[in-house]
Amino acid sequence: MPNQPKERRAIYQERKKQGCCPRCGSKVGKRSKFSYCDDCRKFFRKYSQKNSDYLNETRKERYDQRKDSSQCPRCGKSLGKKYTKTICPACLDKQYSYNYGKKRPKKK
């Protein structure tokens, strides 16, 4: 496989146009709704699962570590001693606007 992105892209396009798997070049069935062959799809599934397990593990560790040290688990900003919520106000505002599409109402 060539190292240059342009060459790799050209090979990818050529194989896809011929009805072959873009990764390994083996024939893919005409009735298949996927671009990649079964072996390559299996490889990608396994790789993605392994990678996502690792990422989830590290995110969970970072979340727990920040929470224990009284920091916002999302951004790492230090929370005050009297602050009772787990997430900082800025992250709460972001979360509220993402969920509801508007700004969070301020308490009086």
N, C-alpha and C. Protein backbone atom coordinates (compact mmCIF):
# COMPACT_ATOMS: atom_id res chain seq x y z
N MET A 1 0.85 -1.18 0.00
CA MET A 1 0.00 0.00 0.00
C MET A 1 0.89 1.24 0.00
N PRO A 2 0.63 2.20 -0.86
CA PRO A 2 1.44 3.42 -0.94
C PRO A 2 1.29 4.28 0.33
N ASN A 3 2.30 5.06 0.59
CA ASN A 3 2.30 5.89 1.79
C ASN A 3 1.66 7.26 1.59
N GLN A 4 1.61 7.73 0.37
CA GLN A 4 1.09 9.06 0.10
C GLN A 4 -0.44 9.04 0.09
N PRO A 5 -1.08 10.01 0.74
CA PRO A 5 -2.54 10.05 0.78
C PRO A 5 -3.20 10.11 -0.59
N LYS A 6 -2.62 10.84 -1.53
CA LYS A 6 -3.21 10.95 -2.87
C LYS A 6 -3.22 9.60 -3.57
N GLU A 7 -2.13 8.86 -3.42
CA GLU A 7 -2.04 7.54 -4.06
C GLU A 7 -3.03 6.57 -3.41
N ARG A 8 -3.12 6.60 -2.08
CA ARG A 8 -4.07 5.73 -1.37
C ARG A 8 -5.49 6.06 -1.78
N ARG A 9 -5.80 7.33 -1.89
CA ARG A 9 -7.15 7.75 -2.28
C ARG A 9 -7.47 7.29 -3.70
N ALA A 10 -6.50 7.38 -4.60
CA ALA A 10 -6.72 6.95 -5.98
C ALA A 10 -6.99 5.44 -6.04
N ILE A 11 -6.24 4.67 -5.27
CA ILE A 11 -6.46 3.22 -5.23
C ILE A 11 -7.83 2.91 -4.64
N TYR A 12 -8.19 3.64 -3.58
CA TYR A 12 -9.50 3.46 -2.95
C TYR A 12 -10.62 3.70 -3.96
N GLN A 13 -10.56 4.81 -4.70
CA GLN A 13 -11.59 5.16 -5.68
C GLN A 13 -11.65 4.12 -6.81
N GLU A 14 -10.48 3.68 -7.26
CA GLU A 14 -10.43 2.70 -8.34
C GLU A 14 -11.05 1.38 -7.93
N ARG A 15 -10.69 0.89 -6.74
CA ARG A 15 -11.25 -0.37 -6.26
C ARG A 15 -12.76 -0.28 -6.04
N LYS A 16 -13.19 0.84 -5.52
CA LYS A 16 -14.62 1.02 -5.26
C LYS A 16 -15.40 1.05 -6.57
N LYS A 17 -14.85 1.70 -7.58
CA LYS A 17 -15.50 1.78 -8.89
C LYS A 17 -15.61 0.40 -9.54
N GLN A 18 -14.62 -0.46 -9.29
CA GLN A 18 -14.62 -1.82 -9.85
C GLN A 18 -15.50 -2.78 -9.08
N GLY A 19 -16.04 -2.35 -7.94
CA GLY A 19 -16.88 -3.23 -7.13
C GLY A 19 -16.08 -4.12 -6.20
N CYS A 20 -14.87 -3.69 -5.88
CA CYS A 20 -14.01 -4.46 -4.98
C CYS A 20 -13.97 -3.78 -3.61
N CYS A 21 -13.47 -4.52 -2.66
CA CYS A 21 -13.28 -3.96 -1.32
C CYS A 21 -12.17 -2.91 -1.38
N PRO A 22 -12.41 -1.69 -0.92
CA PRO A 22 -11.39 -0.64 -1.01
C PRO A 22 -10.14 -0.93 -0.17
N ARG A 23 -10.26 -1.76 0.85
CA ARG A 23 -9.13 -2.03 1.73
C ARG A 23 -8.23 -3.13 1.18
N CYS A 24 -8.82 -4.28 0.83
CA CYS A 24 -8.00 -5.44 0.44
C CYS A 24 -8.08 -5.77 -1.04
N GLY A 25 -9.09 -5.29 -1.75
CA GLY A 25 -9.19 -5.52 -3.18
C GLY A 25 -9.96 -6.76 -3.58
N SER A 26 -10.50 -7.51 -2.63
CA SER A 26 -11.27 -8.70 -2.99
C SER A 26 -12.66 -8.28 -3.47
N LYS A 27 -13.28 -9.15 -4.25
CA LYS A 27 -14.60 -8.85 -4.81
C LYS A 27 -15.66 -8.81 -3.71
N VAL A 28 -16.57 -7.86 -3.83
CA VAL A 28 -17.72 -7.75 -2.94
C VAL A 28 -18.94 -8.10 -3.76
N GLY A 29 -19.87 -8.84 -3.17
CA GLY A 29 -21.06 -9.25 -3.90
C GLY A 29 -21.84 -8.06 -4.42
N LYS A 30 -22.45 -8.21 -5.60
CA LYS A 30 -23.19 -7.09 -6.20
C LYS A 30 -24.41 -6.71 -5.37
N ARG A 31 -24.99 -7.67 -4.68
CA ARG A 31 -26.17 -7.39 -3.89
C ARG A 31 -25.84 -6.86 -2.49
N SER A 32 -24.58 -6.85 -2.15
CA SER A 32 -24.16 -6.38 -0.84
C SER A 32 -24.37 -4.87 -0.74
N LYS A 33 -24.89 -4.42 0.40
CA LYS A 33 -25.10 -2.98 0.58
C LYS A 33 -23.87 -2.31 1.19
N PHE A 34 -22.81 -3.08 1.43
CA PHE A 34 -21.60 -2.55 2.04
C PHE A 34 -20.49 -2.42 1.00
N SER A 35 -19.59 -1.47 1.21
CA SER A 35 -18.46 -1.27 0.32
C SER A 35 -17.34 -2.25 0.62
N TYR A 36 -17.19 -2.63 1.89
CA TYR A 36 -16.09 -3.48 2.30
C TYR A 36 -16.53 -4.94 2.36
N CYS A 37 -15.58 -5.87 2.20
CA CYS A 37 -15.86 -7.29 2.28
C CYS A 37 -16.11 -7.68 3.74
N ASP A 38 -16.58 -8.90 3.95
CA ASP A 38 -16.91 -9.35 5.31
C ASP A 38 -15.70 -9.39 6.22
N ASP A 39 -14.56 -9.82 5.69
CA ASP A 39 -13.35 -9.89 6.52
C ASP A 39 -12.90 -8.51 6.99
N CYS A 40 -12.92 -7.54 6.09
CA CYS A 40 -12.52 -6.18 6.45
C CYS A 40 -13.52 -5.54 7.42
N ARG A 41 -14.80 -5.81 7.22
CA ARG A 41 -15.81 -5.28 8.13
C ARG A 41 -15.62 -5.87 9.53
N LYS A 42 -15.27 -7.15 9.57
CA LYS A 42 -15.02 -7.81 10.85
C LYS A 42 -13.80 -7.17 11.54
N PHE A 43 -12.76 -6.88 10.74
CA PHE A 43 -11.56 -6.23 11.27
C PHE A 43 -11.91 -4.86 11.85
N PHE A 44 -12.68 -4.06 11.12
CA PHE A 44 -13.05 -2.73 11.58
C PHE A 44 -13.90 -2.78 12.84
N ARG A 45 -14.82 -3.74 12.91
CA ARG A 45 -15.65 -3.89 14.11
C ARG A 45 -14.80 -4.21 15.32
N LYS A 46 -13.87 -5.14 15.15
CA LYS A 46 -13.00 -5.54 16.25
C LYS A 46 -12.12 -4.38 16.69
N TYR A 47 -11.55 -3.65 15.73
CA TYR A 47 -10.70 -2.50 16.03
C TYR A 47 -11.49 -1.42 16.75
N SER A 48 -12.69 -1.13 16.26
CA SER A 48 -13.52 -0.09 16.87
C SER A 48 -13.91 -0.46 18.29
N GLN A 49 -14.26 -1.71 18.51
CA GLN A 49 -14.65 -2.16 19.84
C GLN A 49 -13.48 -2.04 20.81
N LYS A 50 -12.30 -2.47 20.38
CA LYS A 50 -11.11 -2.40 21.22
C LYS A 50 -10.78 -0.95 21.55
N ASN A 51 -10.84 -0.10 20.54
CA ASN A 51 -10.51 1.30 20.72
C ASN A 51 -11.53 2.00 21.61
N SER A 52 -12.82 1.73 21.43
CA SER A 52 -13.83 2.38 22.24
C SER A 52 -13.78 1.90 23.68
N ASP A 53 -13.45 0.63 23.91
CA ASP A 53 -13.30 0.14 25.28
C ASP A 53 -12.19 0.88 26.00
N TYR A 54 -11.07 1.08 25.32
CA TYR A 54 -9.95 1.81 25.90
C TYR A 54 -10.33 3.26 26.21
N LEU A 55 -10.99 3.91 25.26
CA LEU A 55 -11.38 5.31 25.47
C LEU A 55 -12.38 5.45 26.61
N ASN A 56 -13.35 4.54 26.68
CA ASN A 56 -14.33 4.60 27.76
C ASN A 56 -13.67 4.41 29.11
N GLU A 57 -12.71 3.51 29.16
CA GLU A 57 -11.99 3.25 30.41
C GLU A 57 -11.23 4.48 30.88
N THR A 58 -10.49 5.13 29.95
CA THR A 58 -9.71 6.31 30.33
C THR A 58 -10.63 7.48 30.70
N ARG A 59 -11.74 7.64 30.00
CA ARG A 59 -12.68 8.72 30.34
C ARG A 59 -13.28 8.52 31.72
N LYS A 60 -13.61 7.27 32.04
CA LYS A 60 -14.18 6.96 33.35
C LYS A 60 -13.16 7.25 34.45
N GLU A 61 -11.90 6.87 34.24
CA GLU A 61 -10.85 7.15 35.22
C GLU A 61 -10.68 8.66 35.42
N ARG A 62 -10.67 9.42 34.34
CA ARG A 62 -10.50 10.87 34.43
C ARG A 62 -11.69 11.50 35.13
N TYR A 63 -12.90 11.02 34.84
CA TYR A 63 -14.12 11.53 35.47
C TYR A 63 -14.04 11.30 36.98
N ASP A 64 -13.70 10.09 37.39
CA ASP A 64 -13.62 9.77 38.83
C ASP A 64 -12.54 10.57 39.52
N GLN A 65 -11.40 10.72 38.87
CA GLN A 65 -10.28 11.47 39.45
C GLN A 65 -10.65 12.94 39.65
N ARG A 66 -11.29 13.54 38.66
CA ARG A 66 -11.69 14.95 38.77
C ARG A 66 -12.77 15.14 39.82
N LYS A 67 -13.70 14.21 39.87
CA LYS A 67 -14.79 14.30 40.84
C LYS A 67 -14.26 14.20 42.26
N ASP A 68 -13.30 13.32 42.50
CA ASP A 68 -12.71 13.17 43.82
C ASP A 68 -11.92 14.40 44.26
N SER A 69 -11.31 15.09 43.30
CA SER A 69 -10.50 16.27 43.64
C SER A 69 -11.30 17.56 43.52
N SER A 70 -12.62 17.48 43.59
CA SER A 70 -13.57 18.60 43.51
C SER A 70 -13.31 19.51 42.31
N GLN A 71 -13.21 18.88 41.14
CA GLN A 71 -13.12 19.60 39.88
C GLN A 71 -14.33 19.22 39.04
N CYS A 72 -14.64 20.05 38.07
CA CYS A 72 -15.71 19.72 37.14
C CYS A 72 -15.24 18.52 36.31
N PRO A 73 -16.02 17.43 36.28
CA PRO A 73 -15.59 16.25 35.53
C PRO A 73 -15.48 16.46 34.03
N ARG A 74 -16.13 17.47 33.50
CA ARG A 74 -16.10 17.70 32.06
C ARG A 74 -14.93 18.56 31.62
N CYS A 75 -14.74 19.71 32.28
CA CYS A 75 -13.71 20.64 31.82
C CYS A 75 -12.50 20.70 32.75
N GLY A 76 -12.62 20.21 33.97
CA GLY A 76 -11.50 20.20 34.90
C GLY A 76 -11.36 21.47 35.72
N LYS A 77 -12.31 22.39 35.59
CA LYS A 77 -12.26 23.63 36.34
C LYS A 77 -12.47 23.33 37.82
N SER A 78 -11.73 24.01 38.68
CA SER A 78 -11.85 23.79 40.11
C SER A 78 -13.17 24.35 40.62
N LEU A 79 -13.88 23.57 41.43
CA LEU A 79 -15.16 23.99 41.99
C LEU A 79 -14.93 24.51 43.41
N GLY A 80 -15.71 25.47 43.82
CA GLY A 80 -15.58 26.02 45.16
C GLY A 80 -15.97 25.00 46.22
N LYS A 81 -15.55 25.27 47.46
CA LYS A 81 -15.84 24.34 48.54
C LYS A 81 -17.32 24.30 48.88
N LYS A 82 -18.01 25.43 48.70
CA LYS A 82 -19.44 25.49 49.02
C LYS A 82 -20.32 25.09 47.85
N TYR A 83 -19.74 24.87 46.71
CA TYR A 83 -20.50 24.50 45.51
C TYR A 83 -20.99 23.07 45.67
N THR A 84 -22.30 22.86 45.56
CA THR A 84 -22.88 21.55 45.85
C THR A 84 -23.06 20.66 44.63
N LYS A 85 -23.10 21.23 43.45
CA LYS A 85 -23.32 20.42 42.24
C LYS A 85 -22.01 19.80 41.76
N THR A 86 -22.13 18.77 40.95
CA THR A 86 -20.96 18.06 40.45
C THR A 86 -20.33 18.78 39.26
N ILE A 87 -21.15 19.41 38.43
CA ILE A 87 -20.69 20.05 37.19
C ILE A 87 -20.68 21.56 37.37
N CYS A 88 -19.68 22.24 36.81
CA CYS A 88 -19.56 23.69 36.94
C CYS A 88 -20.70 24.41 36.21
N PRO A 89 -20.98 25.67 36.56
CA PRO A 89 -22.08 26.41 35.92
C PRO A 89 -21.94 26.55 34.40
N ALA A 90 -20.72 26.73 33.91
CA ALA A 90 -20.53 26.88 32.46
C ALA A 90 -20.91 25.59 31.73
N CYS A 91 -20.51 24.45 32.27
CA CYS A 91 -20.85 23.17 31.64
C CYS A 91 -22.34 22.87 31.79
N LEU A 92 -22.94 23.29 32.90
CA LEU A 92 -24.38 23.12 33.06
C LEU A 92 -25.15 23.93 32.02
N ASP A 93 -24.68 25.15 31.75
CA ASP A 93 -25.31 25.98 30.73
C ASP A 93 -25.21 25.33 29.35
N LYS A 94 -24.02 24.81 29.05
CA LYS A 94 -23.83 24.13 27.76
C LYS A 94 -24.76 22.93 27.63
N GLN A 95 -24.84 22.14 28.71
CA GLN A 95 -25.69 20.96 28.68
C GLN A 95 -27.15 21.33 28.54
N TYR A 96 -27.59 22.37 29.25
CA TYR A 96 -28.99 22.80 29.17
C TYR A 96 -29.32 23.30 27.77
N SER A 97 -28.43 24.10 27.19
CA SER A 97 -28.71 24.63 25.85
C SER A 97 -28.69 23.51 24.80
N TYR A 98 -27.85 22.51 25.00
CA TYR A 98 -27.82 21.37 24.09
C TYR A 98 -29.13 20.58 24.19
N ASN A 99 -29.59 20.34 25.41
CA ASN A 99 -30.80 19.54 25.61
C ASN A 99 -32.08 20.27 25.23
N TYR A 100 -32.15 21.55 25.56
CA TYR A 100 -33.41 22.27 25.38
C TYR A 100 -33.36 23.36 24.32
N GLY A 101 -32.20 23.69 23.82
CA GLY A 101 -32.07 24.66 22.74
C GLY A 101 -32.23 26.11 23.20
N LYS A 102 -32.09 26.34 24.48
CA LYS A 102 -32.20 27.71 24.98
C LYS A 102 -31.33 27.84 26.23
N LYS A 103 -31.19 29.07 26.73
CA LYS A 103 -30.37 29.31 27.91
C LYS A 103 -31.05 28.81 29.16
N ARG A 104 -30.25 28.43 30.12
CA ARG A 104 -30.76 27.95 31.40
C ARG A 104 -31.29 29.13 32.20
N PRO A 105 -32.48 28.99 32.78
CA PRO A 105 -33.03 30.10 33.58
C PRO A 105 -32.21 30.31 34.84
N LYS A 106 -31.99 31.55 35.18
CA LYS A 106 -31.22 31.89 36.38
C LYS A 106 -32.13 31.90 37.59
N LYS A 107 -31.64 31.36 38.70
CA LYS A 107 -32.39 31.38 39.96
C LYS A 107 -32.23 32.73 40.61
N LYS A 108 -33.29 33.18 41.28
CA LYS A 108 -33.25 34.50 41.93
C LYS A 108 -32.73 34.40 43.33
